[in-house]
């Protein structure tokens, strides 16, 4: 097995080739375009996913240098909210020091088409839009071939969906986040039923809608919504 010094020299050479010639990132674009030539459906269905990578550094700043042992990394945190069986809300916060891997891949062949490595604090929503613009500018044929792009609910953003649908004519397969919370505080709230709000709040109306956009008509007698 090669020793640690061999790996260090190899990594230094790879970093130099990337910084001077862009050969590492260039390989991704070259392989992407080669696969598009031999696979007619490659790139038709794309998907995005982000992954947190912990650094070996502790993230603490040195008193002498004012830097950490991982100067390219930084801190980020992920907060999740949930409601337990007793309807008591709780929050869980996870923080880490390191990096974020942002990946766009073909979901049919499970092969990457674009990748970014950033400090941990870079927002996934912004990074996704940057990667889409950058990738489709480098390979316009991929934008013409792509039919849909999927991501998890955390990537729900009007700006991202508008970019995909209005600019590139790509269907965004991103679920809508459920952000309405006021109705859950009402004593007569039924968790088994979707939250609805008046379609025209300035007037009394039986037409209501859910957060995901589905339209319902509320029965006057029972008060239960039914699909229009």
Foldseek 3Di string as FASTA:
>chain_A
DDDPVVVVVVVVVVVVCCVPPVVVQVVLQVVQVVCVVVPVQFLQEKEKDKDFDADPWPQDADPVPRATPPNQAHKDKDKDWDADPVRDIDIDIDMGIAKMKMFMGGPVVRGTNHIDIHHPHDDNLVVVVVGVVVSCVSPVVSLVNYAEYEYEQVNDDPVSQCCNCVVSVHHYHYAHDDDDDPLVPDPPDDPVDADWDAPDVVDDAQWIAGPRGFIWGADPPPRDTDGD
